[in-house]
C-alpha atoms as a PDB file:
ATOM      1  CA  MET A   1     134.492 143.106  69.423  1.00  0.00           C
ATOM      2  CA  ASP A   2     133.070 146.410  69.144  1.00  0.00           C
ATOM      3  CA  LEU A   3     136.157 148.165  71.729  1.00  0.00           C
ATOM      4  CA  GLN A   4     133.609 151.821  72.050  1.00  0.00           C
ATOM      5  CA  ILE A   5     136.478 153.899  71.912  1.00  0.00           C
ATOM      6  CA  GLN A   6     135.334 155.404  69.115  1.00  0.00           C
ATOM      7  CA  GLY A   7     136.367 159.900  69.530  1.00  0.00           C
ATOM      8  CA  LYS A   8     138.376 159.414  71.891  1.00  0.00           C
ATOM      9  CA  ALA A   9     142.126 160.613  71.250  1.00  0.00           C
ATOM     10  CA  ALA A  10     145.493 159.339  71.831  1.00  0.00           C
ATOM     11  CA  LEU A  11     149.021 160.818  71.864  1.00  0.00           C
ATOM     12  CA  VAL A  12     151.138 157.824  70.800  1.00  0.00           C
ATOM     13  CA  THR A  13     154.792 158.988  71.084  1.00  0.00           C
ATOM     14  CA  GLY A  14     157.201 156.580  68.363  1.00  0.00           C
ATOM     15  CA  GLY A  15     154.520 156.766  66.148  1.00  0.00           C
ATOM     16  CA  ALA A  16     156.280 157.522  63.138  1.00  0.00           C
ATOM     17  CA  SER A  17     157.584 153.557  62.825  1.00  0.00           C
ATOM     18  CA  GLY A  18     157.211 150.045  63.995  1.00  0.00           C
ATOM     19  CA  ILE A  19     154.870 149.066  66.982  1.00  0.00           C
ATOM     20  CA  GLY A  20     153.705 153.234  67.432  1.00  0.00           C
ATOM     21  CA  GLU A  21     153.141 153.477  64.002  1.00  0.00           C
ATOM     22  CA  LYS A  22     151.075 149.822  64.308  1.00  0.00           C
ATOM     23  CA  THR A  23     149.366 150.700  67.104  1.00  0.00           C
ATOM     24  CA  ALA A  24     148.328 154.679  65.558  1.00  0.00           C
ATOM     25  CA  GLU A  25     146.681 152.521  62.709  1.00  0.00           C
ATOM     26  CA  PHE A  26     144.523 150.291  64.635  1.00  0.00           C
ATOM     27  CA  PHE A  27     143.620 153.178  66.836  1.00  0.00           C
ATOM     28  CA  VAL A  28     142.309 155.117  63.917  1.00  0.00           C
ATOM     29  CA  GLN A  29     140.178 151.938  61.803  1.00  0.00           C
ATOM     30  CA  GLU A  30     138.852 152.058  66.021  1.00  0.00           C
ATOM     31  CA  GLY A  31     137.406 155.922  64.928  1.00  0.00           C
ATOM     32  CA  VAL A  32     139.993 156.955  67.484  1.00  0.00           C
ATOM     33  CA  LYS A  33     141.911 160.492  67.077  1.00  0.00           C
ATOM     34  CA  VAL A  34     145.607 160.233  66.419  1.00  0.00           C
ATOM     35  CA  LEU A  35     148.211 162.558  67.219  1.00  0.00           C
ATOM     36  CA  ILE A  36     151.880 161.281  66.205  1.00  0.00           C
ATOM     37  CA  ILE A  37     154.901 161.497  68.507  1.00  0.00           C
ATOM     38  CA  ASP A  38     158.293 161.435  66.290  1.00  0.00           C
ATOM     39  CA  VAL A  39     162.054 163.537  66.445  1.00  0.00           C
ATOM     40  CA  SER A  40     161.601 162.410  62.789  1.00  0.00           C
ATOM     41  CA  ARG A  41     159.604 165.055  60.625  1.00  0.00           C
ATOM     42  CA  GLU A  42     159.508 162.997  57.440  1.00  0.00           C
ATOM     43  CA  GLY A  43     158.559 159.510  59.395  1.00  0.00           C
ATOM     44  CA  ILE A  44     155.668 161.930  61.238  1.00  0.00           C
ATOM     45  CA  GLU A  45     154.151 163.478  57.861  1.00  0.00           C
ATOM     46  CA  LYS A  46     154.613 159.899  55.887  1.00  0.00           C
ATOM     47  CA  THR A  47     152.362 158.652  58.971  1.00  0.00           C
ATOM     48  CA  VAL A  48     150.150 161.249  58.904  1.00  0.00           C
ATOM     49  CA  ARG A  49     149.224 160.938  55.628  1.00  0.00           C
ATOM     50  CA  SER A  50     148.817 157.163  55.798  1.00  0.00           C
ATOM     51  CA  LEU A  51     146.675 157.240  58.795  1.00  0.00           C
ATOM     52  CA  ARG A  52     144.101 160.105  56.511  1.00  0.00           C
ATOM     53  CA  GLU A  53     144.096 157.968  53.187  1.00  0.00           C
ATOM     54  CA  ARG A  54     142.473 155.187  55.349  1.00  0.00           C
ATOM     55  CA  GLY A  55     140.125 157.832  57.003  1.00  0.00           C
ATOM     56  CA  GLY A  56     141.469 158.734  60.017  1.00  0.00           C
ATOM     57  CA  GLU A  57     141.871 162.122  62.098  1.00  0.00           C
ATOM     58  CA  ALA A  58     145.567 162.228  62.611  1.00  0.00           C
ATOM     59  CA  HIS A  59     148.171 164.833  63.602  1.00  0.00           C
ATOM     60  CA  GLY A  60     151.727 165.043  64.075  1.00  0.00           C
ATOM     61  CA  ILE A  61     154.112 167.111  66.107  1.00  0.00           C
ATOM     62  CA  PRO A  62     158.243 166.019  66.087  1.00  0.00           C
ATOM     63  CA  CYS A  63     159.461 166.338  69.409  1.00  0.00           C
ATOM     64  CA  ASP A  64     162.641 165.153  71.272  1.00  0.00           C
ATOM     65  CA  LEU A  65     161.101 163.740  74.235  1.00  0.00           C
ATOM     66  CA  THR A  66     164.165 163.287  76.424  1.00  0.00           C
ATOM     67  CA  GLN A  67     163.836 168.068  76.490  1.00  0.00           C
ATOM     68  CA  GLU A  68     161.107 168.439  79.323  1.00  0.00           C
ATOM     69  CA  ASP A  69     159.992 172.133  78.038  1.00  0.00           C
ATOM     70  CA  GLN A  70     159.615 170.771  74.188  1.00  0.00           C
ATOM     71  CA  VAL A  71     157.453 167.737  75.857  1.00  0.00           C
ATOM     72  CA  SER A  72     155.233 170.236  77.789  1.00  0.00           C
ATOM     73  CA  ARG A  73     154.647 172.026  74.401  1.00  0.00           C
ATOM     74  CA  MET A  74     153.704 169.141  72.436  1.00  0.00           C
ATOM     75  CA  VAL A  75     151.140 168.077  75.751  1.00  0.00           C
ATOM     76  CA  GLY A  76     149.796 171.517  74.949  1.00  0.00           C
ATOM     77  CA  GLU A  77     149.665 171.050  71.362  1.00  0.00           C
ATOM     78  CA  ALA A  78     147.827 167.837  71.807  1.00  0.00           C
ATOM     79  CA  GLY A  79     145.407 169.353  73.816  1.00  0.00           C
ATOM     80  CA  SER A  80     144.151 172.371  71.210  1.00  0.00           C
ATOM     81  CA  HIS A  81     144.523 169.836  68.371  1.00  0.00           C
ATOM     82  CA  PHE A  82     141.658 167.648  70.473  1.00  0.00           C
ATOM     83  CA  GLY A  83     140.425 169.610  73.520  1.00  0.00           C
ATOM     84  CA  ALA A  84     141.473 166.018  75.741  1.00  0.00           C
ATOM     85  CA  ILE A  85     143.838 163.522  75.910  1.00  0.00           C
ATOM     86  CA  ASP A  86     142.339 159.675  76.759  1.00  0.00           C
ATOM     87  CA  PHE A  87     145.213 157.462  75.576  1.00  0.00           C
ATOM     88  CA  LEU A  88     148.793 158.100  76.368  1.00  0.00           C
ATOM     89  CA  VAL A  89     151.356 155.315  74.442  1.00  0.00           C
ATOM     90  CA  ASN A  90     154.352 155.772  75.464  1.00  0.00           C
ATOM     91  CA  SER A  91     156.445 153.890  72.399  1.00  0.00           C
ATOM     92  CA  ALA A  92     159.475 155.934  71.130  1.00  0.00           C
ATOM     93  CA  GLY A  93     161.962 153.875  72.159  1.00  0.00           C
ATOM     94  CA  ILE A  94     165.790 152.881  71.177  1.00  0.00           C
ATOM     95  CA  GLY A  95     167.573 149.275  71.494  1.00  0.00           C
ATOM     96  CA  GLY A  96     171.266 150.297  71.552  1.00  0.00           C
ATOM     97  CA  GLY A  97     173.000 146.655  69.834  1.00  0.00           C
ATOM     98  CA  MET A  98     174.080 144.513  71.552  1.00  0.00           C
ATOM     99  CA  ALA A  99     176.944 146.230  73.670  1.00  0.00           C
ATOM    100  CA  PRO A 100     177.565 144.086  76.480  1.00  0.00           C
ATOM    101  CA  LEU A 101     178.291 146.584  80.105  1.00  0.00           C
ATOM    102  CA  GLU A 102     181.804 145.912  79.807  1.00  0.00           C
ATOM    103  CA  THR A 103     182.399 147.422  76.356  1.00  0.00           C
ATOM    104  CA  ALA A 104     179.685 149.576  76.283  1.00  0.00           C
ATOM    105  CA  ARG A 105     180.467 153.371  75.904  1.00  0.00           C
ATOM    106  CA  ARG A 106     178.999 156.028  78.097  1.00  0.00           C
ATOM    107  CA  GLU A 107     177.450 158.279  75.703  1.00  0.00           C
ATOM    108  CA  ASP A 108     175.693 155.331  73.930  1.00  0.00           C
ATOM    109  CA  TRP A 109     173.949 153.697  76.847  1.00  0.00           C
ATOM    110  CA  GLN A 110     172.870 157.484  78.666  1.00  0.00           C
ATOM    111  CA  ARG A 111     171.169 157.846  75.219  1.00  0.00           C
ATOM    112  CA  ILE A 112     169.253 154.605  75.924  1.00  0.00           C
ATOM    113  CA  LEU A 113     168.110 155.555  79.459  1.00  0.00           C
ATOM    114  CA  GLU A 114     167.187 158.916  78.728  1.00  0.00           C
ATOM    115  CA  ILE A 115     164.719 158.093  75.470  1.00  0.00           C
ATOM    116  CA  ASN A 116     163.289 154.940  76.693  1.00  0.00           C
ATOM    117  CA  LEU A 117     163.145 155.564  80.435  1.00  0.00           C
ATOM    118  CA  ILE A 118     163.625 159.697  80.884  1.00  0.00           C
ATOM    119  CA  GLY A 119     161.247 159.960  77.459  1.00  0.00           C
ATOM    120  CA  THR A 120     158.393 157.846  79.123  1.00  0.00           C
ATOM    121  CA  LEU A 121     158.399 159.561  82.498  1.00  0.00           C
ATOM    122  CA  LEU A 122     158.892 163.455  81.432  1.00  0.00           C
ATOM    123  CA  CYS A 123     154.998 162.017  79.332  1.00  0.00           C
ATOM    124  CA  CYS A 124     153.294 160.351  82.041  1.00  0.00           C
ATOM    125  CA  LYS A 125     154.389 163.166  84.444  1.00  0.00           C
ATOM    126  CA  ALA A 126     153.017 165.850  81.538  1.00  0.00           C
ATOM    127  CA  VAL A 127     149.907 163.940  80.787  1.00  0.00           C
ATOM    128  CA  MET A 128     149.241 162.957  84.353  1.00  0.00           C
ATOM    129  CA  PRO A 129     146.893 166.407  85.476  1.00  0.00           C
ATOM    130  CA  ILE A 130     144.888 165.696  82.348  1.00  0.00           C
ATOM    131  CA  LEU A 131     143.984 162.171  82.670  1.00  0.00           C
ATOM    132  CA  ARG A 132     143.397 163.387  86.842  1.00  0.00           C
ATOM    133  CA  ARG A 133     141.066 166.127  85.814  1.00  0.00           C
ATOM    134  CA  LYS A 134     138.811 164.223  83.537  1.00  0.00           C
ATOM    135  CA  LYS A 135     138.755 161.115  86.186  1.00  0.00           C
ATOM    136  CA  SER A 136     139.368 158.925  83.341  1.00  0.00           C
ATOM    137  CA  GLY A 137     142.149 157.183  81.036  1.00  0.00           C
ATOM    138  CA  ARG A 138     144.635 155.172  80.184  1.00  0.00           C
ATOM    139  CA  ILE A 139     148.031 155.337  79.916  1.00  0.00           C
ATOM    140  CA  ILE A 140     150.133 152.166  78.237  1.00  0.00           C
ATOM    141  CA  ASN A 141     153.583 151.814  78.081  1.00  0.00           C
ATOM    142  CA  ILE A 142     156.273 149.667  75.656  1.00  0.00           C
ATOM    143  CA  ALA A 143     158.465 147.512  78.219  1.00  0.00           C
ATOM    144  CA  SER A 144     160.414 144.128  76.786  1.00  0.00           C
ATOM    145  CA  GLU A 145     160.572 140.716  77.201  1.00  0.00           C
ATOM    146  CA  ALA A 146     164.331 141.743  78.364  1.00  0.00           C
ATOM    147  CA  GLY A 147     162.788 144.529  81.143  1.00  0.00           C
ATOM    148  CA  VAL A 148     161.250 141.253  83.036  1.00  0.00           C
ATOM    149  CA  SER A 149     163.615 138.829  82.631  1.00  0.00           C
ATOM    150  CA  GLY A 150     166.676 140.398  81.626  1.00  0.00           C
ATOM    151  CA  GLU A 151     168.845 139.880  78.983  1.00  0.00           C
ATOM    152  CA  LYS A 152     172.215 138.950  78.591  1.00  0.00           C
ATOM    153  CA  GLY A 153     174.764 141.562  76.676  1.00  0.00           C
ATOM    154  CA  LEU A 154     171.548 143.867  76.879  1.00  0.00           C
ATOM    155  CA  GLU A 155     172.113 144.913  80.183  1.00  0.00           C
ATOM    156  CA  VAL A 156     171.499 148.982  79.817  1.00  0.00           C
ATOM    157  CA  TYR A 157     168.420 148.430  77.510  1.00  0.00           C
ATOM    158  CA  ALA A 158     167.173 145.680  80.343  1.00  0.00           C
ATOM    159  CA  ALA A 159     167.175 147.996  82.636  1.00  0.00           C
ATOM    160  CA  SER A 160     165.516 151.074  81.248  1.00  0.00           C
ATOM    161  CA  LYS A 161     162.772 148.947  80.558  1.00  0.00           C
ATOM    162  CA  GLY A 162     163.158 147.176  83.705  1.00  0.00           C
ATOM    163  CA  GLY A 163     162.788 150.569  85.126  1.00  0.00           C
ATOM    164  CA  VAL A 164     159.409 151.078  82.389  1.00  0.00           C
ATOM    165  CA  ILE A 165     158.309 148.383  84.446  1.00  0.00           C
ATOM    166  CA  ALA A 166     158.687 149.581  87.657  1.00  0.00           C
ATOM    167  CA  LEU A 167     157.326 153.251  87.140  1.00  0.00           C
ATOM    168  CA  THR A 168     154.009 151.221  85.689  1.00  0.00           C
ATOM    169  CA  LYS A 169     153.168 150.052  88.957  1.00  0.00           C
ATOM    170  CA  SER A 170     153.803 153.039  91.165  1.00  0.00           C
ATOM    171  CA  LEU A 171     151.408 155.232  88.655  1.00  0.00           C
ATOM    172  CA  ALA A 172     149.030 152.267  88.833  1.00  0.00           C
ATOM    173  CA  LYS A 173     148.763 152.719  92.679  1.00  0.00           C
ATOM    174  CA  ASN A 174     148.924 156.790  92.045  1.00  0.00           C
ATOM    175  CA  LEU A 175     146.421 157.282  89.380  1.00  0.00           C
ATOM    176  CA  GLY A 176     143.993 154.393  90.313  1.00  0.00           C
ATOM    177  CA  ARG A 177     141.696 156.517  92.207  1.00  0.00           C
ATOM    178  CA  ASP A 178     141.121 158.904  89.337  1.00  0.00           C
ATOM    179  CA  ASN A 179     139.998 156.355  87.164  1.00  0.00           C
ATOM    180  CA  VAL A 180     143.162 156.606  85.226  1.00  0.00           C
ATOM    181  CA  THR A 181     144.963 153.122  84.360  1.00  0.00           C
ATOM    182  CA  VAL A 182     148.503 152.030  83.719  1.00  0.00           C
ATOM    183  CA  ASN A 183     149.883 149.088  82.199  1.00  0.00           C
ATOM    184  CA  ALA A 184     152.745 147.536  80.430  1.00  0.00           C
ATOM    185  CA  VAL A 185     153.254 145.642  77.059  1.00  0.00           C
ATOM    186  CA  ALA A 186     156.222 143.830  77.211  1.00  0.00           C
ATOM    187  CA  PRO A 187     157.106 142.247  73.674  1.00  0.00           C
ATOM    188  CA  ALA A 188     159.801 139.781  73.062  1.00  0.00           C
ATOM    189  CA  PHE A 189     161.468 139.675  69.417  1.00  0.00           C
ATOM    190  CA  VAL A 190     159.167 141.547  66.685  1.00  0.00           C
ATOM    191  CA  HIS A 191     160.031 142.526  63.544  1.00  0.00           C
ATOM    192  CA  SER A 192     160.745 146.695  62.603  1.00  0.00           C
ATOM    193  CA  PRO A 193     163.574 149.275  61.940  1.00  0.00           C
ATOM    194  CA  MET A 194     164.265 148.991  65.176  1.00  0.00           C
ATOM    195  CA  THR A 195     165.918 145.329  65.173  1.00  0.00           C
ATOM    196  CA  SER A 196     166.356 145.496  61.325  1.00  0.00           C
ATOM    197  CA  TYR A 197     170.481 144.297  62.430  1.00  0.00           C
ATOM    198  CA  LEU A 198     168.326 140.557  62.434  1.00  0.00           C
ATOM    199  CA  THR A 199     169.315 138.852  59.613  1.00  0.00           C
ATOM    200  CA  PRO A 200     168.265 135.407  58.020  1.00  0.00           C
ATOM    201  CA  GLU A 201     170.764 133.234  59.986  1.00  0.00           C
ATOM    202  CA  LEU A 202     170.476 135.417  63.769  1.00  0.00           C
ATOM    203  CA  GLU A 203     166.487 134.650  63.346  1.00  0.00           C
ATOM    204  CA  GLN A 204     166.355 130.486  62.494  1.00  0.00           C
ATOM    205  CA  LYS A 205     168.967 130.858  65.713  1.00  0.00           C
ATOM    206  CA  TRP A 206     166.143 132.386  68.033  1.00  0.00           C
ATOM    207  CA  LEU A 207     163.519 130.773  66.694  1.00  0.00           C
ATOM    208  CA  LYS A 208     163.964 127.565  68.298  1.00  0.00           C
ATOM    209  CA  MET A 209     163.364 129.616  71.703  1.00  0.00           C
ATOM    210  CA  TYR A 210     160.037 130.164  70.785  1.00  0.00           C
ATOM    211  CA  VAL A 211     157.127 127.598  71.645  1.00  0.00           C
ATOM    212  CA  ILE A 212     154.889 129.848  68.436  1.00  0.00           C
ATOM    213  CA  LYS A 213     157.401 128.951  65.410  1.00  0.00           C
ATOM    214  CA  ARG A 214     157.491 132.639  64.209  1.00  0.00           C
ATOM    215  CA  LEU A 215     159.218 136.317  65.572  1.00  0.00           C
ATOM    216  CA  GLY A 216     156.883 138.530  66.230  1.00  0.00           C
ATOM    217  CA  GLU A 217     155.336 141.519  64.281  1.00  0.00           C
ATOM    218  CA  THR A 218     154.082 144.740  65.495  1.00  0.00           C
ATOM    219  CA  ALA A 219     150.445 144.065  64.766  1.00  0.00           C
ATOM    220  CA  ASP A 220     151.100 141.535  67.858  1.00  0.00           C
ATOM    221  CA  ILE A 221     151.696 144.027  69.921  1.00  0.00           C
ATOM    222  CA  ALA A 222     149.389 147.368  68.796  1.00  0.00           C
ATOM    223  CA  SER A 223     146.491 144.649  69.122  1.00  0.00           C
ATOM    224  CA  MET A 224     147.203 144.305  72.738  1.00  0.00           C
ATOM    225  CA  ILE A 225     147.449 148.252  73.214  1.00  0.00           C
ATOM    226  CA  VAL A 226     143.809 149.104  71.878  1.00  0.00           C
ATOM    227  CA  CYS A 227     142.185 146.464  73.537  1.00  0.00           C
ATOM    228  CA  LEU A 228     143.974 147.837  76.934  1.00  0.00           C
ATOM    229  CA  CYS A 229     143.159 151.169  75.969  1.00  0.00           C
ATOM    230  CA  SER A 230     139.557 150.278  76.265  1.00  0.00           C
ATOM    231  CA  ASP A 231     136.809 149.970  79.073  1.00  0.00           C
ATOM    232  CA  ARG A 232     136.797 145.913  78.225  1.00  0.00           C
ATOM    233  CA  CYS A 233     140.089 146.492  80.017  1.00  0.00           C
ATOM    234  CA  SER A 234     138.606 149.024  82.863  1.00  0.00           C
ATOM    235  CA  TRP A 235     139.551 146.156  85.743  1.00  0.00           C
ATOM    236  CA  ILE A 236     143.533 145.706  84.558  1.00  0.00           C
ATOM    237  CA  THR A 237     145.794 148.376  85.910  1.00  0.00           C
ATOM    238  CA  GLY A 238     149.406 148.090  86.711  1.00  0.00           C
ATOM    239  CA  GLN A 239     150.304 145.036  84.966  1.00  0.00           C
ATOM    240  CA  THR A 240     153.129 144.135  82.921  1.00  0.00           C
ATOM    241  CA  ILE A 241     151.448 141.708  80.099  1.00  0.00           C
ATOM    242  CA  SER A 242     154.224 140.382  77.752  1.00  0.00           C
ATOM    243  CA  ILE A 243     153.345 139.527  74.096  1.00  0.00           C
ATOM    244  CA  ASN A 244     156.536 137.024  72.965  1.00  0.00           C
ATOM    245  CA  GLY A 245     155.471 133.781  71.090  1.00  0.00           C
ATOM    246  CA  GLY A 246     156.302 131.492  74.116  1.00  0.00           C
ATOM    247  CA  PHE A 247     159.774 132.537  74.699  1.00  0.00           C
ATOM    248  CA  SER A 248     159.393 132.972  78.206  1.00  0.00           C
ATOM    249  CA  MET A 249     155.840 131.311  80.819  1.00  0.00           C
END
């Protein structure tokens, strides 16, 4: 299926690894120009080089998404690279391990909220005026199954992703009149650098909870993100799409 997004420009946060990196790869396959945003300069350089070797147009900008001034400058640079931004994918995030709320240190869970929720808020705030002026665009936020249904021992992480889901709905209502759609994808467990702590024993235990007897891969999530950016999904907005192998229904 031709998604008809060739020549568009996408800004992908957390684009140097995991779901963000795979999303950037899939965008390039569709002829989309990609700007990789990450805190890791080394990761940005590696990803941009890989995308260019695939024939894609890609650039990268280091940015701490919890700092509003850095986010504003980054979005300005994005405009100078591509002239416009069509898609914003908020993929940057951290997990924070399995520390339950009663034992988690505030400085640890504060960082989870700052990156997962505040960083997403700041990126949306900076890009919204651009999409309004264009009267078109897509924002895709990465939530989590934990934000949909909750997860024991992941209270702060779940709260951060639940906030992303509420933000998605509110922005969809705000931007709909400007022909801008806002959606979220909510993965269950996906193999990625953020989940590298998984042991074979723990994986076998968790597989019992999935109807499809495997855990997720970044490609499972990236394919939906790219599809949601196309005009074939232009009547979908304010939705949180669970991608979870039947973990919940």
